[in-house]
C-alpha atoms as a PDB file:
ATOM      1  CA  MET A   1      -2.165  -2.186  26.090  1.00  0.00           C
ATOM      2  CA  GLU A   2      -1.978  -5.307  28.174  1.00  0.00           C
ATOM      3  CA  ASP A   3       0.845  -5.799  30.660  1.00  0.00           C
ATOM      4  CA  GLY A   4       3.108  -8.815  30.399  1.00  0.00           C
ATOM      5  CA  ASN A   5       6.699  -9.931  30.199  1.00  0.00           C
ATOM      6  CA  TYR A   6       7.137  -7.960  26.983  1.00  0.00           C
ATOM      7  CA  TYR A   7       6.458  -4.632  28.728  1.00  0.00           C
ATOM      8  CA  GLU A   8       8.441  -3.873  31.858  1.00  0.00           C
ATOM      9  CA  ARG A   9      11.249  -1.965  33.488  1.00  0.00           C
ATOM     10  CA  LEU A  10      14.567  -1.955  31.666  1.00  0.00           C
ATOM     11  CA  ASP A  11      16.555  -3.302  34.637  1.00  0.00           C
ATOM     12  CA  ARG A  12      14.146  -6.214  35.134  1.00  0.00           C
ATOM     13  CA  PHE A  13      14.217  -7.090  31.461  1.00  0.00           C
ATOM     14  CA  LEU A  14      18.017  -7.060  31.433  1.00  0.00           C
ATOM     15  CA  ARG A  15      18.136  -9.208  34.539  1.00  0.00           C
ATOM     16  CA  ASN A  16      15.895 -11.752  32.803  1.00  0.00           C
ATOM     17  CA  VAL A  17      17.917 -11.751  29.559  1.00  0.00           C
ATOM     18  CA  LEU A  18      21.379 -11.516  31.145  1.00  0.00           C
ATOM     19  CA  ASP A  19      20.751 -14.169  33.766  1.00  0.00           C
ATOM     20  CA  ASP A  20      24.483 -14.932  34.048  1.00  0.00           C
ATOM     21  CA  LEU A  21      25.218 -11.424  35.359  1.00  0.00           C
ATOM     22  CA  LYS A  22      24.708 -10.129  38.872  1.00  0.00           C
ATOM     23  CA  LEU A  23      22.258  -7.283  39.344  1.00  0.00           C
ATOM     24  CA  SER A  24      25.166  -5.026  40.368  1.00  0.00           C
ATOM     25  CA  SER A  25      26.876  -5.772  37.047  1.00  0.00           C
ATOM     26  CA  ILE A  26      23.709  -4.871  35.134  1.00  0.00           C
ATOM     27  CA  TYR A  27      23.485  -1.520  36.915  1.00  0.00           C
ATOM     28  CA  LYS A  28      27.167  -0.963  36.115  1.00  0.00           C
ATOM     29  CA  LEU A  29      26.397  -1.481  32.403  1.00  0.00           C
ATOM     30  CA  LEU A  30      23.631   1.088  32.690  1.00  0.00           C
ATOM     31  CA  ARG A  31      25.777   3.644  34.524  1.00  0.00           C
ATOM     32  CA  LYS A  32      28.540   3.380  31.943  1.00  0.00           C
ATOM     33  CA  GLY A  33      26.116   3.938  29.070  1.00  0.00           C
ATOM     34  CA  ASN A  34      26.544   0.436  27.640  1.00  0.00           C
ATOM     35  CA  VAL A  35      22.815  -0.043  27.095  1.00  0.00           C
ATOM     36  CA  LYS A  36      20.939   1.531  24.188  1.00  0.00           C
ATOM     37  CA  VAL A  37      17.183   1.547  23.596  1.00  0.00           C
ATOM     38  CA  ASN A  38      16.225   2.310  20.008  1.00  0.00           C
ATOM     39  CA  GLY A  39      19.757   3.601  19.375  1.00  0.00           C
ATOM     40  CA  LYS A  40      19.857   5.980  22.376  1.00  0.00           C
ATOM     41  CA  ARG A  41      21.831   5.396  25.577  1.00  0.00           C
ATOM     42  CA  VAL A  42      19.593   4.836  28.598  1.00  0.00           C
ATOM     43  CA  LYS A  43      21.101   4.857  32.110  1.00  0.00           C
ATOM     44  CA  ASP A  44      17.878   4.748  34.114  1.00  0.00           C
ATOM     45  CA  GLY A  45      16.983   1.196  35.141  1.00  0.00           C
ATOM     46  CA  SER A  46      13.349   2.191  35.703  1.00  0.00           C
ATOM     47  CA  HIS A  47      12.930   3.147  32.024  1.00  0.00           C
ATOM     48  CA  ARG A  48       9.760   1.497  30.719  1.00  0.00           C
ATOM     49  CA  LEU A  49      10.013  -0.693  27.633  1.00  0.00           C
ATOM     50  CA  SER A  50       7.306  -0.857  24.976  1.00  0.00           C
ATOM     51  CA  ILE A  51       6.354  -3.203  22.161  1.00  0.00           C
ATOM     52  CA  GLY A  52       8.741  -2.657  19.251  1.00  0.00           C
ATOM     53  CA  ASP A  53      11.661  -1.351  21.333  1.00  0.00           C
ATOM     54  CA  VAL A  54      15.086  -2.689  20.356  1.00  0.00           C
ATOM     55  CA  LEU A  55      17.926  -2.986  22.857  1.00  0.00           C
ATOM     56  CA  GLN A  56      21.668  -3.111  22.298  1.00  0.00           C
ATOM     57  CA  VAL A  57      23.899  -4.138  25.192  1.00  0.00           C
ATOM     58  CA  TYR A  58      27.674  -3.814  25.079  1.00  0.00           C
ATOM     59  CA  TYR A  59      29.530  -5.995  27.575  1.00  0.00           C
ATOM     60  CA  LEU A  60      32.858  -7.682  28.214  1.00  0.00           C
ATOM     61  CA  GLY A  61      33.027 -11.136  26.649  1.00  0.00           C
ATOM     62  CA  ASP A  62      35.239 -14.074  27.533  1.00  0.00           C
ATOM     63  CA  SER A  63      38.184 -12.492  25.730  1.00  0.00           C
ATOM     64  CA  SER A  64      37.797  -9.286  27.795  1.00  0.00           C
ATOM     65  CA  ARG A  65      36.939  -7.427  24.581  1.00  0.00           C
ATOM     66  CA  MET A  66      33.775  -5.384  24.297  1.00  0.00           C
ATOM     67  CA  LYS A  67      31.045  -7.285  22.451  1.00  0.00           C
ATOM     68  CA  ARG A  68      27.496  -6.490  21.464  1.00  0.00           C
ATOM     69  CA  LEU A  69      24.767  -8.774  22.719  1.00  0.00           C
ATOM     70  CA  GLU A  70      22.628  -9.783  19.744  1.00  0.00           C
ATOM     71  CA  GLU A  71      19.237 -11.453  19.518  1.00  0.00           C
ATOM     72  CA  THR A  72      19.661 -15.043  20.714  1.00  0.00           C
ATOM     73  CA  ARG A  73      16.277 -15.967  22.137  1.00  0.00           C
ATOM     74  CA  GLU A  74      13.955 -18.423  20.452  1.00  0.00           C
ATOM     75  CA  LEU A  75      10.495 -17.374  19.316  1.00  0.00           C
ATOM     76  CA  THR A  76       8.225 -17.310  22.353  1.00  0.00           C
ATOM     77  CA  PRO A  77       4.417 -16.980  22.270  1.00  0.00           C
ATOM     78  CA  ARG A  78       3.592 -13.612  23.876  1.00  0.00           C
ATOM     79  CA  LYS A  79       0.087 -12.279  24.281  1.00  0.00           C
ATOM     80  CA  ILE A  80      -0.188  -8.806  22.760  1.00  0.00           C
ATOM     81  CA  PRO A  81      -3.035  -6.788  21.220  1.00  0.00           C
ATOM     82  CA  LEU A  82      -3.638  -7.850  17.609  1.00  0.00           C
ATOM     83  CA  ASP A  83      -5.746  -5.868  15.127  1.00  0.00           C
ATOM     84  CA  ILE A  84      -7.278  -8.692  13.064  1.00  0.00           C
ATOM     85  CA  ILE A  85      -8.914  -7.386   9.877  1.00  0.00           C
ATOM     86  CA  TYR A  86      -9.584 -10.720   8.150  1.00  0.00           C
ATOM     87  CA  GLU A  87      -9.587 -14.352   9.229  1.00  0.00           C
ATOM     88  CA  ASP A  88     -10.802 -17.640   7.786  1.00  0.00           C
ATOM     89  CA  ASP A  89      -9.779 -21.283   8.117  1.00  0.00           C
ATOM     90  CA  ALA A  90      -6.656 -20.809   5.964  1.00  0.00           C
ATOM     91  CA  ILE A  91      -5.254 -17.311   6.569  1.00  0.00           C
ATOM     92  CA  ILE A  92      -5.273 -14.435   8.999  1.00  0.00           C
ATOM     93  CA  ALA A  93      -4.594 -10.788   8.115  1.00  0.00           C
ATOM     94  CA  LEU A  94      -3.460  -8.186  10.611  1.00  0.00           C
ATOM     95  CA  ASP A  95      -3.415  -4.408  10.474  1.00  0.00           C
ATOM     96  CA  LYS A  96       0.241  -4.039  11.410  1.00  0.00           C
ATOM     97  CA  PRO A  97       1.193  -0.932  13.380  1.00  0.00           C
ATOM     98  CA  ALA A  98       4.456   0.834  12.638  1.00  0.00           C
ATOM     99  CA  GLY A  99       7.316   0.192  15.033  1.00  0.00           C
ATOM    100  CA  ILE A 100       6.937  -3.553  15.545  1.00  0.00           C
ATOM    101  CA  SER A 101       9.011  -6.114  13.657  1.00  0.00           C
ATOM    102  CA  VAL A 102       7.524  -9.237  12.132  1.00  0.00           C
ATOM    103  CA  HIS A 103      10.536 -11.348  13.147  1.00  0.00           C
ATOM    104  CA  PRO A 104      13.412 -10.874  15.592  1.00  0.00           C
ATOM    105  CA  GLY A 105      16.370  -9.070  14.062  1.00  0.00           C
ATOM    106  CA  LYS A 106      19.381  -7.188  15.341  1.00  0.00           C
ATOM    107  CA  GLY A 107      19.358  -6.261  19.002  1.00  0.00           C
ATOM    108  CA  ILE A 108      17.081  -7.598  21.729  1.00  0.00           C
ATOM    109  CA  GLN A 109      13.508  -6.990  20.652  1.00  0.00           C
ATOM    110  CA  ILE A 110      10.868  -6.890  23.341  1.00  0.00           C
ATOM    111  CA  VAL A 111       8.306  -8.724  21.233  1.00  0.00           C
ATOM    112  CA  THR A 112       7.654  -9.400  17.557  1.00  0.00           C
ATOM    113  CA  LEU A 113       4.432  -9.781  15.604  1.00  0.00           C
ATOM    114  CA  ILE A 114       4.967 -13.482  14.940  1.00  0.00           C
ATOM    115  CA  GLU A 115       5.283 -14.082  18.694  1.00  0.00           C
ATOM    116  CA  GLY A 116       1.947 -12.381  19.280  1.00  0.00           C
ATOM    117  CA  LEU A 117       0.383 -14.588  16.602  1.00  0.00           C
ATOM    118  CA  LEU A 118       1.964 -17.693  18.120  1.00  0.00           C
ATOM    119  CA  ALA A 119       0.107 -16.940  21.355  1.00  0.00           C
ATOM    120  CA  TYR A 120      -3.160 -16.279  19.498  1.00  0.00           C
ATOM    121  CA  GLY A 121      -2.711 -19.419  17.405  1.00  0.00           C
ATOM    122  CA  ARG A 122      -2.079 -21.508  20.486  1.00  0.00           C
ATOM    123  CA  GLU A 123      -5.474 -20.390  21.832  1.00  0.00           C
ATOM    124  CA  LYS A 124      -7.254 -20.988  18.506  1.00  0.00           C
ATOM    125  CA  GLY A 125      -5.501 -24.213  17.492  1.00  0.00           C
ATOM    126  CA  PHE A 126      -3.227 -23.203  14.613  1.00  0.00           C
ATOM    127  CA  GLU A 127       0.410 -22.306  13.961  1.00  0.00           C
ATOM    128  CA  PRO A 128       1.009 -19.104  11.960  1.00  0.00           C
ATOM    129  CA  HIS A 129       3.308 -19.124   8.932  1.00  0.00           C
ATOM    130  CA  PRO A 130       4.546 -15.821   7.416  1.00  0.00           C
ATOM    131  CA  VAL A 131       4.017 -15.586   3.643  1.00  0.00           C
ATOM    132  CA  HIS A 132       5.422 -12.095   3.000  1.00  0.00           C
ATOM    133  CA  ARG A 133       6.967  -9.264   4.970  1.00  0.00           C
ATOM    134  CA  LEU A 134       6.581  -5.623   5.897  1.00  0.00           C
ATOM    135  CA  ASP A 135       9.454  -3.577   7.269  1.00  0.00           C
ATOM    136  CA  LYS A 136       9.351  -2.544  10.913  1.00  0.00           C
ATOM    137  CA  HIS A 137       8.238   1.036  10.244  1.00  0.00           C
ATOM    138  CA  THR A 138       5.756   0.183   7.466  1.00  0.00           C
ATOM    139  CA  SER A 139       2.134  -0.152   8.572  1.00  0.00           C
ATOM    140  CA  GLY A 140      -0.838  -1.895   7.022  1.00  0.00           C
ATOM    141  CA  VAL A 141      -2.030  -5.289   5.788  1.00  0.00           C
ATOM    142  CA  ILE A 142       0.131  -8.306   6.520  1.00  0.00           C
ATOM    143  CA  LEU A 143      -0.894 -11.930   5.892  1.00  0.00           C
ATOM    144  CA  PHE A 144      -0.091 -15.170   7.683  1.00  0.00           C
ATOM    145  CA  SER A 145      -1.191 -18.671   6.760  1.00  0.00           C
ATOM    146  CA  LYS A 146      -2.603 -21.094   9.316  1.00  0.00           C
ATOM    147  CA  SER A 147      -1.124 -24.270   7.838  1.00  0.00           C
ATOM    148  CA  LEU A 148       1.828 -25.372   5.736  1.00  0.00           C
ATOM    149  CA  ALA A 149      -0.492 -26.212   2.824  1.00  0.00           C
ATOM    150  CA  SER A 150      -1.980 -22.714   2.848  1.00  0.00           C
ATOM    151  CA  ALA A 151       1.474 -21.170   3.269  1.00  0.00           C
ATOM    152  CA  ARG A 152       2.741 -23.008   0.186  1.00  0.00           C
ATOM    153  CA  GLU A 153      -0.141 -21.803  -1.991  1.00  0.00           C
ATOM    154  CA  VAL A 154      -0.143 -18.178  -0.798  1.00  0.00           C
ATOM    155  CA  SER A 155       3.668 -17.988  -0.955  1.00  0.00           C
ATOM    156  CA  ARG A 156       3.484 -19.252  -4.543  1.00  0.00           C
ATOM    157  CA  LEU A 157       1.007 -16.510  -5.422  1.00  0.00           C
ATOM    158  CA  PHE A 158       3.363 -13.878  -3.992  1.00  0.00           C
ATOM    159  CA  ARG A 159       6.351 -15.453  -5.760  1.00  0.00           C
ATOM    160  CA  GLU A 160       4.514 -15.507  -9.108  1.00  0.00           C
ATOM    161  CA  HIS A 161       3.372 -11.878  -8.641  1.00  0.00           C
ATOM    162  CA  LYS A 162      -0.293 -12.865  -8.551  1.00  0.00           C
ATOM    163  CA  VAL A 163      -1.090 -10.873  -5.422  1.00  0.00           C
ATOM    164  CA  GLU A 164      -2.405  -7.330  -5.878  1.00  0.00           C
ATOM    165  CA  LYS A 165      -0.393  -5.074  -3.545  1.00  0.00           C
ATOM    166  CA  ILE A 166      -1.321  -1.412  -3.152  1.00  0.00           C
ATOM    167  CA  TYR A 167       0.507   1.062  -0.916  1.00  0.00           C
ATOM    168  CA  LEU A 168       0.039   4.713  -0.008  1.00  0.00           C
ATOM    169  CA  THR A 169       3.171   6.806   0.341  1.00  0.00           C
ATOM    170  CA  LEU A 170       4.096  10.446   0.711  1.00  0.00           C
ATOM    171  CA  VAL A 171       7.163  11.422  -1.302  1.00  0.00           C
ATOM    172  CA  LYS A 172       9.349  14.484  -1.578  1.00  0.00           C
ATOM    173  CA  ASP A 173       8.661  16.765  -4.557  1.00  0.00           C
ATOM    174  CA  PHE A 174       6.530  15.635  -7.527  1.00  0.00           C
ATOM    175  CA  PRO A 175       7.022  12.902 -10.154  1.00  0.00           C
ATOM    176  CA  GLN A 176       7.345  14.237 -13.708  1.00  0.00           C
ATOM    177  CA  ALA A 177       4.196  12.350 -14.719  1.00  0.00           C
ATOM    178  CA  GLU A 178       1.072  11.997 -12.577  1.00  0.00           C
ATOM    179  CA  ASN A 179       0.918   8.315 -13.530  1.00  0.00           C
ATOM    180  CA  GLY A 180       3.925   6.191 -14.293  1.00  0.00           C
ATOM    181  CA  ARG A 181       5.670   2.848 -14.259  1.00  0.00           C
ATOM    182  CA  LEU A 182       9.125   2.329 -12.784  1.00  0.00           C
ATOM    183  CA  GLU A 183      11.379  -0.558 -13.733  1.00  0.00           C
ATOM    184  CA  SER A 184      14.906  -1.331 -12.606  1.00  0.00           C
ATOM    185  CA  MET A 185      17.238  -4.290 -12.328  1.00  0.00           C
ATOM    186  CA  SER A 186      18.461  -5.434  -8.925  1.00  0.00           C
ATOM    187  CA  GLU A 187      20.900  -8.336  -8.770  1.00  0.00           C
ATOM    188  CA  GLY A 188      19.704  -9.484 -12.188  1.00  0.00           C
ATOM    189  CA  VAL A 189      16.003  -9.365 -11.233  1.00  0.00           C
ATOM    190  CA  LEU A 190      13.498  -6.956 -12.804  1.00  0.00           C
ATOM    191  CA  GLU A 191      11.640  -4.816 -10.258  1.00  0.00           C
ATOM    192  CA  ALA A 192       8.472  -3.032 -11.308  1.00  0.00           C
ATOM    193  CA  LEU A 193       5.815  -0.791  -9.824  1.00  0.00           C
ATOM    194  CA  GLU A 194       3.159   1.629 -11.029  1.00  0.00           C
ATOM    195  CA  TYR A 195       2.166   4.817  -9.257  1.00  0.00           C
ATOM    196  CA  SER A 196      -0.603   7.380  -9.527  1.00  0.00           C
ATOM    197  CA  LEU A 197      -0.839  10.824  -7.967  1.00  0.00           C
ATOM    198  CA  GLU A 198      -3.534  11.020  -5.278  1.00  0.00           C
ATOM    199  CA  LYS A 199      -2.863  14.571  -4.075  1.00  0.00           C
ATOM    200  CA  ARG A 200      -0.206  17.222  -4.525  1.00  0.00           C
ATOM    201  CA  TYR A 201       0.906  19.383  -1.609  1.00  0.00           C
ATOM    202  CA  ARG A 202       3.407  22.234  -1.475  1.00  0.00           C
ATOM    203  CA  GLU A 203       6.554  20.132  -1.025  1.00  0.00           C
ATOM    204  CA  VAL A 204       5.322  16.550  -1.202  1.00  0.00           C
ATOM    205  CA  SER A 205       3.036  14.244  -3.174  1.00  0.00           C
ATOM    206  CA  LEU A 206       0.676  11.540  -1.935  1.00  0.00           C
ATOM    207  CA  LEU A 207       0.966   8.530  -4.249  1.00  0.00           C
ATOM    208  CA  LYS A 208      -0.857   5.256  -4.650  1.00  0.00           C
ATOM    209  CA  VAL A 209       1.651   2.566  -5.583  1.00  0.00           C
ATOM    210  CA  ARG A 210       0.798  -0.778  -7.152  1.00  0.00           C
ATOM    211  CA  LEU A 211       3.717  -3.094  -6.466  1.00  0.00           C
ATOM    212  CA  HIS A 212       4.211  -5.747  -9.150  1.00  0.00           C
ATOM    213  CA  THR A 213       7.223  -7.484  -7.648  1.00  0.00           C
ATOM    214  CA  GLY A 214       8.070  -6.814  -4.014  1.00  0.00           C
ATOM    215  CA  LYS A 215      11.789  -6.855  -3.324  1.00  0.00           C
ATOM    216  CA  LYS A 216      13.258  -5.536  -0.080  1.00  0.00           C
ATOM    217  CA  HIS A 217      12.763  -1.757   0.270  1.00  0.00           C
ATOM    218  CA  GLN A 218      11.610  -1.664  -3.368  1.00  0.00           C
ATOM    219  CA  ILE A 219       9.228   1.302  -3.136  1.00  0.00           C
ATOM    220  CA  ARG A 220      11.712   3.312  -1.082  1.00  0.00           C
ATOM    221  CA  ARG A 221      14.583   2.560  -3.463  1.00  0.00           C
ATOM    222  CA  GLN A 222      12.738   3.128  -6.734  1.00  0.00           C
ATOM    223  CA  MET A 223      11.065   6.361  -5.636  1.00  0.00           C
ATOM    224  CA  ALA A 224      14.461   7.679  -4.522  1.00  0.00           C
ATOM    225  CA  GLN A 225      15.907   6.781  -7.921  1.00  0.00           C
ATOM    226  CA  ILE A 226      13.540   9.236  -9.653  1.00  0.00           C
ATOM    227  CA  GLY A 227      14.260  12.007  -7.150  1.00  0.00           C
ATOM    228  CA  CYS A 228      11.081  11.504  -5.102  1.00  0.00           C
ATOM    229  CA  PRO A 229      12.190   9.617  -1.976  1.00  0.00           C
ATOM    230  CA  VAL A 230       9.639   8.549   0.597  1.00  0.00           C
ATOM    231  CA  ALA A 231       9.143  11.274   3.203  1.00  0.00           C
ATOM    232  CA  GLY A 232      10.915  10.393   6.431  1.00  0.00           C
ATOM    233  CA  ASP A 233      13.181   7.761   4.868  1.00  0.00           C
ATOM    234  CA  ASP A 234      16.739   8.542   5.995  1.00  0.00           C
ATOM    235  CA  VAL A 235      18.229   5.454   4.299  1.00  0.00           C
ATOM    236  CA  TYR A 236      17.394   6.317   0.679  1.00  0.00           C
ATOM    237  CA  GLY A 237      16.062   9.840   1.086  1.00  0.00           C
ATOM    238  CA  ASP A 238      17.069  13.406   1.915  1.00  0.00           C
ATOM    239  CA  ARG A 239      17.977  13.686   5.603  1.00  0.00           C
ATOM    240  CA  THR A 240      17.936  17.471   5.697  1.00  0.00           C
ATOM    241  CA  PHE A 241      14.504  17.577   4.095  1.00  0.00           C
ATOM    242  CA  ASN A 242      13.270  14.823   6.415  1.00  0.00           C
ATOM    243  CA  ARG A 243      14.459  16.622   9.517  1.00  0.00           C
ATOM    244  CA  ASN A 244      12.643  19.819   8.558  1.00  0.00           C
ATOM    245  CA  PHE A 245       9.542  18.017   7.297  1.00  0.00           C
ATOM    246  CA  LYS A 246       9.214  15.903  10.443  1.00  0.00           C
ATOM    247  CA  LYS A 247       9.500  18.982  12.619  1.00  0.00           C
ATOM    248  CA  ALA A 248       6.804  20.792  10.636  1.00  0.00           C
ATOM    249  CA  SER A 249       4.370  17.885  10.113  1.00  0.00           C
ATOM    250  CA  GLY A 250       4.855  15.683  13.170  1.00  0.00           C
ATOM    251  CA  LEU A 251       5.899  12.673  11.067  1.00  0.00           C
ATOM    252  CA  LYS A 252       7.665  10.111  13.275  1.00  0.00           C
ATOM    253  CA  ARG A 253       8.662   7.495  10.665  1.00  0.00           C
ATOM    254  CA  TYR A 254       8.794   7.119   6.930  1.00  0.00           C
ATOM    255  CA  PHE A 255       5.369   7.513   5.292  1.00  0.00           C
ATOM    256  CA  LEU A 256       4.555   4.091   3.828  1.00  0.00           C
ATOM    257  CA  HIS A 257       1.377   2.085   4.352  1.00  0.00           C
ATOM    258  CA  CYS A 258       0.150  -1.181   2.798  1.00  0.00           C
ATOM    259  CA  GLN A 259      -3.451  -0.304   1.954  1.00  0.00           C
ATOM    260  CA  HIS A 260      -4.632  -3.405   0.084  1.00  0.00           C
ATOM    261  CA  LEU A 261      -3.796  -7.037  -0.645  1.00  0.00           C
ATOM    262  CA  GLY A 262      -5.895  -9.220  -2.931  1.00  0.00           C
ATOM    263  CA  PHE A 263      -5.545 -12.578  -4.656  1.00  0.00           C
ATOM    264  CA  THR A 264      -7.474 -15.519  -6.082  1.00  0.00           C
ATOM    265  CA  TYR A 265      -6.937 -19.075  -4.838  1.00  0.00           C
ATOM    266  CA  SER A 266      -6.507 -21.916  -7.333  1.00  0.00           C
ATOM    267  CA  SER A 267     -10.039 -22.946  -6.298  1.00  0.00           C
ATOM    268  CA  GLY A 268     -11.338 -19.655  -7.680  1.00  0.00           C
ATOM    269  CA  SER A 269     -12.253 -17.984  -4.392  1.00  0.00           C
ATOM    270  CA  LYS A 270     -11.121 -14.378  -4.054  1.00  0.00           C
ATOM    271  CA  ILE A 271      -9.613 -12.713  -0.995  1.00  0.00           C
ATOM    272  CA  THR A 272      -9.347  -8.932  -0.552  1.00  0.00           C
ATOM    273  CA  VAL A 273      -8.107  -7.185   2.591  1.00  0.00           C
ATOM    274  CA  ASP A 274      -7.940  -3.424   3.129  1.00  0.00           C
ATOM    275  CA  SER A 275      -6.445  -1.152   5.765  1.00  0.00           C
ATOM    276  CA  LYS A 276      -7.154   2.529   6.386  1.00  0.00           C
ATOM    277  CA  LEU A 277      -4.365   5.012   6.970  1.00  0.00           C
ATOM    278  CA  PRO A 278      -3.448   4.984  10.669  1.00  0.00           C
ATOM    279  CA  GLU A 279      -3.954   8.004  12.892  1.00  0.00           C
ATOM    280  CA  ASP A 280      -0.306   9.110  12.859  1.00  0.00           C
ATOM    281  CA  LEU A 281      -0.237   9.391   9.061  1.00  0.00           C
ATOM    282  CA  LEU A 282      -3.667  11.027   8.899  1.00  0.00           C
ATOM    283  CA  LYS A 283      -2.398  13.725  11.263  1.00  0.00           C
ATOM    284  CA  VAL A 284       0.557  14.350   8.957  1.00  0.00           C
ATOM    285  CA  LEU A 285      -1.764  14.848   5.976  1.00  0.00           C
ATOM    286  CA  ALA A 286      -4.013  17.123   8.032  1.00  0.00           C
ATOM    287  CA  SER A 287      -1.003  19.290   8.894  1.00  0.00           C
ATOM    288  CA  LEU A 288      -0.373  19.823   5.165  1.00  0.00           C
ATOM    289  CA  GLU A 289      -3.809  21.233   4.395  1.00  0.00           C
END
């Protein structure tokens, strides 16, 4: 991993972000436990920050009431390692690692994927435009367009459900049928996916999921609705099961990976991009054998 302003000591990062506070005030925030990294209080100013870390800082505002410092910075090009698995004149596809957000969200994020692409695009002469999303802890194929014209066409294909999207996921228990289709309504919109059983283990099942729509958290929500939540998912799943399963298998996140994206341009040319399961998820599967 390259060094840069996205990867540094906690106290130095805070000094850069909270430039209106004295260094003594920053250390006071740390001592009092008013700084959290990834949800955990950190009092050591020498703590090293990594790509994907999220900070929360609680401080006294103008009204002398405790406030939480939220993400306020603008997108900044930041050079980070990028795993490029496909690139042409119109689009670029990355193999997204788990733990890094595509865009800034809540808290102070050290760096986001779009900021890494902004730096790469500046070197190569293009500006990246997101055309879909993956959640922070989901790994796999993610696409960006290199121009507004390309972004409009690819976004239309996603919107019209003309992009083939295939995921691999490990779920608790076993679906009643080895192959099935799930449909549900969310805010008046039909959500649909198809799944097939890849392998059955003692307590979990490895599924291949073909996503026909693509609403927020759709796979995680719909699998939970049939009693087979994604392993490691504490939002929609079984926390007690997850705690025990993570301890036994070494799983560090929820098990969800975008394996394949494919589509056909209006010109007729076809694009297919594939991603292999990352090492952390392969180790989990190996532990189940």
